[in-house]
């Protein structure tokens, strides 16, 4: 890989990161909320072209699928943690009320 390609890749990542920040996206959870809640600004044309080029590479497609799977796993983990926290709170309150 030439240095120019590496620099271009870094610039693309920076552009995507800036796009996400401008759209108010700071996490995977924000991203899914923003997707369902409102229309986001469009990516610059050069970034879109680079993403289309990257998607033609099977390894990048696999990486994208892995990212999507990990994102979904993170959402499930967050939901499970929230449910566990609520269950622990309920049990704690039950124990406290038992000893009152």
C-alpha atoms as a PDB file:
ATOM      1  CA  UNK A   1       0.000   0.000   0.000  1.00  0.00           C
ATOM      2  CA  UNK A   2       1.409   3.369  -0.958  1.00  0.00           C
ATOM      3  CA  UNK A   3       1.644   6.211   1.509  1.00  0.00           C
ATOM      4  CA  UNK A   4      -0.910   8.197  -0.518  1.00  0.00           C
ATOM      5  CA  UNK A   5      -3.453   5.386  -0.134  1.00  0.00           C
ATOM      6  CA  UNK A   6      -2.848   5.277   3.607  1.00  0.00           C
ATOM      7  CA  UNK A   7      -3.283   9.046   3.898  1.00  0.00           C
ATOM      8  CA  UNK A   8      -6.438   8.909   1.787  1.00  0.00           C
ATOM      9  CA  UNK A   9      -7.806   6.163   4.041  1.00  0.00           C
ATOM     10  CA  UNK A  10      -7.060   8.256   7.130  1.00  0.00           C
ATOM     11  CA  UNK A  11      -8.796  11.238   5.542  1.00  0.00           C
ATOM     12  CA  UNK A  12     -11.858   9.135   4.745  1.00  0.00           C
ATOM     13  CA  UNK A  13     -12.031   7.858   8.324  1.00  0.00           C
ATOM     14  CA  UNK A  14     -11.722  11.440   9.585  1.00  0.00           C
ATOM     15  CA  UNK A  15     -14.508  12.554   7.218  1.00  0.00           C
ATOM     16  CA  UNK A  16     -16.794   9.749   8.420  1.00  0.00           C
ATOM     17  CA  UNK A  17     -15.984  10.538  12.043  1.00  0.00           C
ATOM     18  CA  UNK A  18     -16.726  14.234  11.483  1.00  0.00           C
ATOM     19  CA  UNK A  19     -19.963  13.340   9.707  1.00  0.00           C
ATOM     20  CA  UNK A  20     -21.034  11.232  12.678  1.00  0.00           C
ATOM     21  CA  UNK A  21     -20.153  14.007  15.135  1.00  0.00           C
ATOM     22  CA  UNK A  22     -22.068  16.563  13.063  1.00  0.00           C
ATOM     23  CA  UNK A  23     -25.070  14.235  13.054  1.00  0.00           C
ATOM     24  CA  UNK A  24     -24.805  13.922  16.846  1.00  0.00           C
ATOM     25  CA  UNK A  25     -23.696  10.301  16.707  1.00  0.00           C
ATOM     26  CA  UNK A  26     -21.295   9.347  19.475  1.00  0.00           C
ATOM     27  CA  UNK A  27     -22.014   5.634  19.795  1.00  0.00           C
ATOM     28  CA  UNK A  28     -23.647   2.697  18.086  1.00  0.00           C
ATOM     29  CA  UNK A  29     -26.774   3.315  20.159  1.00  0.00           C
ATOM     30  CA  UNK A  30     -26.919   6.929  18.938  1.00  0.00           C
ATOM     31  CA  UNK A  31     -26.437   5.745  15.374  1.00  0.00           C
ATOM     32  CA  UNK A  32     -29.441   3.406  15.504  1.00  0.00           C
ATOM     33  CA  UNK A  33     -31.546   6.085  17.219  1.00  0.00           C
ATOM     34  CA  UNK A  34     -30.597   8.700  14.642  1.00  0.00           C
ATOM     35  CA  UNK A  35     -31.338   6.310  11.788  1.00  0.00           C
ATOM     36  CA  UNK A  36     -34.853   5.665  12.992  1.00  0.00           C
ATOM     37  CA  UNK A  37     -35.591   9.158  14.277  1.00  0.00           C
ATOM     38  CA  UNK A  38     -34.535  11.615  11.616  1.00  0.00           C
ATOM     39  CA  UNK A  39     -32.881  12.121   8.253  1.00  0.00           C
ATOM     40  CA  UNK A  40     -29.144  12.580   8.488  1.00  0.00           C
ATOM     41  CA  UNK A  41     -27.010  14.865   6.330  1.00  0.00           C
ATOM     42  CA  UNK A  42     -25.473  13.121   3.361  1.00  0.00           C
ATOM     43  CA  UNK A  43     -21.829  12.138   3.222  1.00  0.00           C
ATOM     44  CA  UNK A  44     -19.582  14.101   0.866  1.00  0.00           C
ATOM     45  CA  UNK A  45     -19.357  12.622  -2.646  1.00  0.00           C
ATOM     46  CA  UNK A  46     -15.695  11.599  -2.350  1.00  0.00           C
ATOM     47  CA  UNK A  47     -16.417   9.736   0.884  1.00  0.00           C
ATOM     48  CA  UNK A  48     -19.387   7.953  -0.707  1.00  0.00           C
ATOM     49  CA  UNK A  49     -17.230   6.988  -3.702  1.00  0.00           C
ATOM     50  CA  UNK A  50     -14.533   5.636  -1.389  1.00  0.00           C
ATOM     51  CA  UNK A  51     -17.091   3.646   0.611  1.00  0.00           C
ATOM     52  CA  UNK A  52     -18.531   2.160  -2.583  1.00  0.00           C
ATOM     53  CA  UNK A  53     -15.026   1.187  -3.675  1.00  0.00           C
ATOM     54  CA  UNK A  54     -14.319  -0.382  -0.286  1.00  0.00           C
ATOM     55  CA  UNK A  55     -17.563  -2.360  -0.421  1.00  0.00           C
ATOM     56  CA  UNK A  56     -16.391  -4.064  -3.622  1.00  0.00           C
ATOM     57  CA  UNK A  57     -13.639  -5.809  -1.655  1.00  0.00           C
ATOM     58  CA  UNK A  58     -14.968  -9.055  -0.093  1.00  0.00           C
ATOM     59  CA  UNK A  59     -12.785  -8.579   2.990  1.00  0.00           C
ATOM     60  CA  UNK A  60     -14.290  -5.150   3.587  1.00  0.00           C
ATOM     61  CA  UNK A  61     -17.757  -6.612   3.176  1.00  0.00           C
ATOM     62  CA  UNK A  62     -16.913  -9.228   5.812  1.00  0.00           C
ATOM     63  CA  UNK A  63     -15.561  -6.476   8.068  1.00  0.00           C
ATOM     64  CA  UNK A  64     -18.778  -4.497   7.606  1.00  0.00           C
ATOM     65  CA  UNK A  65     -20.879  -7.556   8.462  1.00  0.00           C
ATOM     66  CA  UNK A  66     -18.727  -8.203  11.533  1.00  0.00           C
ATOM     67  CA  UNK A  67     -19.127  -4.569  12.599  1.00  0.00           C
ATOM     68  CA  UNK A  68     -22.883  -4.864  12.163  1.00  0.00           C
ATOM     69  CA  UNK A  69     -22.954  -8.093  14.196  1.00  0.00           C
ATOM     70  CA  UNK A  70     -20.822  -6.560  16.940  1.00  0.00           C
ATOM     71  CA  UNK A  71     -23.067  -3.497  16.971  1.00  0.00           C
ATOM     72  CA  UNK A  72     -26.127  -5.693  17.396  1.00  0.00           C
ATOM     73  CA  UNK A  73     -24.364  -7.669  20.139  1.00  0.00           C
ATOM     74  CA  UNK A  74     -23.540  -4.397  21.910  1.00  0.00           C
ATOM     75  CA  UNK A  75     -27.190  -3.338  21.736  1.00  0.00           C
ATOM     76  CA  UNK A  76     -28.284  -6.697  23.155  1.00  0.00           C
ATOM     77  CA  UNK A  77     -25.667  -6.457  25.902  1.00  0.00           C
ATOM     78  CA  UNK A  78     -26.872  -2.976  26.839  1.00  0.00           C
ATOM     79  CA  UNK A  79     -30.471  -4.187  26.998  1.00  0.00           C
ATOM     80  CA  UNK A  80     -29.451  -7.214  29.076  1.00  0.00           C
ATOM     81  CA  UNK A  81     -27.459  -5.008  31.461  1.00  0.00           C
ATOM     82  CA  UNK A  82     -30.431  -2.684  31.856  1.00  0.00           C
ATOM     83  CA  UNK A  83     -32.783  -5.599  32.522  1.00  0.00           C
ATOM     84  CA  UNK A  84     -30.317  -7.122  35.002  1.00  0.00           C
ATOM     85  CA  UNK A  85     -29.979  -3.798  36.798  1.00  0.00           C
ATOM     86  CA  UNK A  86     -33.762  -3.494  37.077  1.00  0.00           C
ATOM     87  CA  UNK A  87     -34.053  -7.078  38.341  1.00  0.00           C
ATOM     88  CA  UNK A  88     -31.357  -6.466  40.969  1.00  0.00           C
ATOM     89  CA  UNK A  89     -33.122  -3.294  42.082  1.00  0.00           C
ATOM     90  CA  UNK A  90     -36.415  -5.198  42.397  1.00  0.00           C
ATOM     91  CA  UNK A  91     -34.767  -7.960  44.448  1.00  0.00           C
ATOM     92  CA  UNK A  92     -33.013  -5.413  46.664  1.00  0.00           C
ATOM     93  CA  UNK A  93     -36.276  -3.554  47.293  1.00  0.00           C
ATOM     94  CA  UNK A  94     -37.995  -6.845  48.071  1.00  0.00           C
ATOM     95  CA  UNK A  95     -35.308  -7.759  50.614  1.00  0.00           C
ATOM     96  CA  UNK A  96     -35.492  -4.307  52.206  1.00  0.00           C
ATOM     97  CA  UNK A  97     -39.284  -4.474  52.499  1.00  0.00           C
ATOM     98  CA  UNK A  98     -39.015  -7.945  54.055  1.00  0.00           C
ATOM     99  CA  UNK A  99     -36.881  -6.622  56.920  1.00  0.00           C
ATOM    100  CA  UNK A 100     -38.964  -3.492  57.601  1.00  0.00           C
END
